[in-house]
């Protein structure tokens, strides 16, 4: 799937914030995730973004191109995302593979939900 640099950045950052906010510390404390994100030092943010990016970028770029109307977001069925994720999971044991696939599918779905709506002039197939 073709995405702009801005779309990838927003999707990655949104996924990282969602992941960070799902931690026990934030769920029970009720802290504002944007404030926590801003207070996180740059190296910690880099490590989190790098870890998530290496898992979702290969999958996002391997998803098929779809024509997305202005104001819309690309969407894919879970089965299609799972197939692409399974192609990118290395040679691991059966149990580890199942857990890895499930976790990466969830990360990719989170990234897709964080994509900003397409703006006029963004990448489209009919250009």
C-alpha atoms as a PDB file:
ATOM      1  CA  UNK A   1       0.000   0.000   0.000  1.00  0.00           C
ATOM      2  CA  UNK A   2       1.320   3.423  -0.846  1.00  0.00           C
ATOM      3  CA  UNK A   3       1.332   5.887   2.020  1.00  0.00           C
ATOM      4  CA  UNK A   4       2.799   9.349   2.401  1.00  0.00           C
ATOM      5  CA  UNK A   5       5.542  10.046   4.913  1.00  0.00           C
ATOM      6  CA  UNK A   6       3.073  12.117   6.931  1.00  0.00           C
ATOM      7  CA  UNK A   7       0.543   9.262   7.012  1.00  0.00           C
ATOM      8  CA  UNK A   8       3.187   6.782   8.170  1.00  0.00           C
ATOM      9  CA  UNK A   9       4.428   9.169  10.847  1.00  0.00           C
ATOM     10  CA  UNK A  10       0.937   9.826  12.212  1.00  0.00           C
ATOM     11  CA  UNK A  11       0.066   6.110  12.144  1.00  0.00           C
ATOM     12  CA  UNK A  12       3.301   5.139  13.922  1.00  0.00           C
ATOM     13  CA  UNK A  13       2.986   7.853  16.566  1.00  0.00           C
ATOM     14  CA  UNK A  14      -0.668   7.033  17.214  1.00  0.00           C
ATOM     15  CA  UNK A  15       0.146   3.342  17.548  1.00  0.00           C
ATOM     16  CA  UNK A  16       3.005   4.091  19.955  1.00  0.00           C
ATOM     17  CA  UNK A  17       0.761   6.302  22.096  1.00  0.00           C
ATOM     18  CA  UNK A  18      -1.931   3.612  22.140  1.00  0.00           C
ATOM     19  CA  UNK A  19       0.646   1.005  23.143  1.00  0.00           C
ATOM     20  CA  UNK A  20       2.084   3.281  25.830  1.00  0.00           C
ATOM     21  CA  UNK A  21      -1.389   4.096  27.129  1.00  0.00           C
ATOM     22  CA  UNK A  22      -2.330   0.434  27.401  1.00  0.00           C
ATOM     23  CA  UNK A  23       0.223  -0.104  30.144  1.00  0.00           C
ATOM     24  CA  UNK A  24      -0.956  -0.805  33.642  1.00  0.00           C
ATOM     25  CA  UNK A  25       0.560   2.422  34.973  1.00  0.00           C
ATOM     26  CA  UNK A  26      -1.554   4.557  32.644  1.00  0.00           C
ATOM     27  CA  UNK A  27      -4.769   2.542  32.792  1.00  0.00           C
ATOM     28  CA  UNK A  28      -4.968   2.774  36.576  1.00  0.00           C
ATOM     29  CA  UNK A  29      -3.516   6.269  36.950  1.00  0.00           C
ATOM     30  CA  UNK A  30      -5.728   7.936  34.360  1.00  0.00           C
ATOM     31  CA  UNK A  31      -2.828  10.051  33.089  1.00  0.00           C
ATOM     32  CA  UNK A  32      -3.184  12.058  29.890  1.00  0.00           C
ATOM     33  CA  UNK A  33      -1.313  10.092  27.216  1.00  0.00           C
ATOM     34  CA  UNK A  34      -0.275  13.200  25.284  1.00  0.00           C
ATOM     35  CA  UNK A  35       1.271  14.693  28.413  1.00  0.00           C
ATOM     36  CA  UNK A  36       3.049  11.426  29.202  1.00  0.00           C
ATOM     37  CA  UNK A  37       4.269  11.243  25.602  1.00  0.00           C
ATOM     38  CA  UNK A  38       5.653  14.782  25.794  1.00  0.00           C
ATOM     39  CA  UNK A  39       7.384  13.999  29.089  1.00  0.00           C
ATOM     40  CA  UNK A  40       8.999  10.836  27.730  1.00  0.00           C
ATOM     41  CA  UNK A  41      12.624  11.469  26.817  1.00  0.00           C
ATOM     42  CA  UNK A  42      13.625  11.327  23.165  1.00  0.00           C
ATOM     43  CA  UNK A  43      15.621   8.109  23.453  1.00  0.00           C
ATOM     44  CA  UNK A  44      12.730   6.228  25.072  1.00  0.00           C
ATOM     45  CA  UNK A  45      10.389   7.481  22.340  1.00  0.00           C
ATOM     46  CA  UNK A  46      12.919   6.434  19.694  1.00  0.00           C
ATOM     47  CA  UNK A  47      13.178   2.905  21.126  1.00  0.00           C
ATOM     48  CA  UNK A  48       9.392   2.520  21.204  1.00  0.00           C
ATOM     49  CA  UNK A  49       8.879   3.969  17.705  1.00  0.00           C
ATOM     50  CA  UNK A  50      11.699   1.848  16.283  1.00  0.00           C
ATOM     51  CA  UNK A  51      10.341  -1.328  17.836  1.00  0.00           C
ATOM     52  CA  UNK A  52       6.807  -0.745  16.564  1.00  0.00           C
ATOM     53  CA  UNK A  53       7.957   0.557  13.183  1.00  0.00           C
ATOM     54  CA  UNK A  54      10.003  -2.544  12.418  1.00  0.00           C
ATOM     55  CA  UNK A  55       6.881  -4.625  13.029  1.00  0.00           C
ATOM     56  CA  UNK A  56       4.253  -2.616  11.165  1.00  0.00           C
ATOM     57  CA  UNK A  57       6.031  -0.916   8.247  1.00  0.00           C
ATOM     58  CA  UNK A  58       6.790  -4.127   6.311  1.00  0.00           C
ATOM     59  CA  UNK A  59       3.159  -5.179   6.671  1.00  0.00           C
ATOM     60  CA  UNK A  60       1.697  -1.780   5.761  1.00  0.00           C
ATOM     61  CA  UNK A  61       3.837  -1.522   2.644  1.00  0.00           C
ATOM     62  CA  UNK A  62       2.993  -5.105   1.616  1.00  0.00           C
ATOM     63  CA  UNK A  63      -0.770  -4.594   1.822  1.00  0.00           C
ATOM     64  CA  UNK A  64      -2.361  -4.178  -1.617  1.00  0.00           C
ATOM     65  CA  UNK A  65      -2.915  -0.706  -3.062  1.00  0.00           C
ATOM     66  CA  UNK A  66      -6.447   0.528  -2.635  1.00  0.00           C
ATOM     67  CA  UNK A  67      -8.029   3.681  -3.951  1.00  0.00           C
ATOM     68  CA  UNK A  68      -8.928   5.844  -0.972  1.00  0.00           C
ATOM     69  CA  UNK A  69     -11.298   8.765  -1.511  1.00  0.00           C
ATOM     70  CA  UNK A  70     -10.499  12.193  -0.100  1.00  0.00           C
ATOM     71  CA  UNK A  71     -11.561  12.216   3.545  1.00  0.00           C
ATOM     72  CA  UNK A  72     -11.428   8.415   3.777  1.00  0.00           C
ATOM     73  CA  UNK A  73      -9.022   5.944   5.313  1.00  0.00           C
ATOM     74  CA  UNK A  74      -7.815   2.649   3.875  1.00  0.00           C
ATOM     75  CA  UNK A  75      -9.313  -0.429   5.475  1.00  0.00           C
ATOM     76  CA  UNK A  76      -8.581  -4.111   5.112  1.00  0.00           C
ATOM     77  CA  UNK A  77     -10.258  -7.259   6.411  1.00  0.00           C
ATOM     78  CA  UNK A  78      -8.488  -8.914   9.337  1.00  0.00           C
ATOM     79  CA  UNK A  79      -7.856 -12.053   7.252  1.00  0.00           C
ATOM     80  CA  UNK A  80      -5.968 -10.039   4.635  1.00  0.00           C
ATOM     81  CA  UNK A  81      -3.829  -8.351   7.293  1.00  0.00           C
ATOM     82  CA  UNK A  82      -3.175 -11.732   8.943  1.00  0.00           C
ATOM     83  CA  UNK A  83      -1.978 -13.238   5.637  1.00  0.00           C
ATOM     84  CA  UNK A  84       0.520 -10.412   5.127  1.00  0.00           C
ATOM     85  CA  UNK A  85       1.716 -10.593   8.739  1.00  0.00           C
ATOM     86  CA  UNK A  86       2.258 -14.352   8.451  1.00  0.00           C
ATOM     87  CA  UNK A  87       4.479 -13.805   5.406  1.00  0.00           C
ATOM     88  CA  UNK A  88       6.706 -11.505   7.460  1.00  0.00           C
ATOM     89  CA  UNK A  89       7.014 -13.628  10.597  1.00  0.00           C
ATOM     90  CA  UNK A  90      10.285 -15.500  10.588  1.00  0.00           C
ATOM     91  CA  UNK A  91      10.939 -19.138  11.360  1.00  0.00           C
ATOM     92  CA  UNK A  92       9.733 -19.487  14.952  1.00  0.00           C
ATOM     93  CA  UNK A  93       7.923 -22.145  16.930  1.00  0.00           C
ATOM     94  CA  UNK A  94       4.210 -22.750  16.485  1.00  0.00           C
ATOM     95  CA  UNK A  95       3.129 -21.124  19.757  1.00  0.00           C
ATOM     96  CA  UNK A  96       5.434 -18.120  19.362  1.00  0.00           C
ATOM     97  CA  UNK A  97       4.245 -17.699  15.778  1.00  0.00           C
ATOM     98  CA  UNK A  98       0.593 -17.643  16.844  1.00  0.00           C
ATOM     99  CA  UNK A  99       1.262 -15.043  19.545  1.00  0.00           C
ATOM    100  CA  UNK A 100       3.426 -12.916  17.243  1.00  0.00           C
ATOM    101  CA  UNK A 101       0.846 -12.966  14.441  1.00  0.00           C
ATOM    102  CA  UNK A 102      -1.973 -11.993  16.793  1.00  0.00           C
ATOM    103  CA  UNK A 103       0.044  -9.137  18.316  1.00  0.00           C
ATOM    104  CA  UNK A 104       1.212  -7.778  14.949  1.00  0.00           C
ATOM    105  CA  UNK A 105      -2.274  -7.927  13.466  1.00  0.00           C
ATOM    106  CA  UNK A 106      -3.462  -5.833  16.413  1.00  0.00           C
ATOM    107  CA  UNK A 107      -0.590  -3.366  15.916  1.00  0.00           C
ATOM    108  CA  UNK A 108      -1.327  -3.008  12.198  1.00  0.00           C
ATOM    109  CA  UNK A 109      -5.041  -2.533  12.854  1.00  0.00           C
ATOM    110  CA  UNK A 110      -4.175   0.156  15.400  1.00  0.00           C
ATOM    111  CA  UNK A 111      -1.865   1.829  12.881  1.00  0.00           C
ATOM    112  CA  UNK A 112      -4.583   1.764  10.216  1.00  0.00           C
ATOM    113  CA  UNK A 113      -7.074   3.283  12.647  1.00  0.00           C
ATOM    114  CA  UNK A 114      -4.603   6.088  13.398  1.00  0.00           C
ATOM    115  CA  UNK A 115      -4.064   7.008   9.751  1.00  0.00           C
ATOM    116  CA  UNK A 116      -5.286  10.535   9.073  1.00  0.00           C
ATOM    117  CA  UNK A 117      -8.078  10.990   6.530  1.00  0.00           C
ATOM    118  CA  UNK A 118      -6.768  11.323   2.989  1.00  0.00           C
ATOM    119  CA  UNK A 119      -6.346  14.903   1.860  1.00  0.00           C
ATOM    120  CA  UNK A 120      -6.577  16.241  -1.675  1.00  0.00           C
ATOM    121  CA  UNK A 121      -3.238  15.673  -3.368  1.00  0.00           C
ATOM    122  CA  UNK A 122      -2.262  12.614  -1.310  1.00  0.00           C
ATOM    123  CA  UNK A 123      -1.320   9.423  -3.144  1.00  0.00           C
ATOM    124  CA  UNK A 124      -4.134   7.790  -5.102  1.00  0.00           C
ATOM    125  CA  UNK A 125      -4.107   5.075  -7.739  1.00  0.00           C
ATOM    126  CA  UNK A 126      -5.785   7.141 -10.457  1.00  0.00           C
ATOM    127  CA  UNK A 127      -3.178   9.929 -10.498  1.00  0.00           C
END
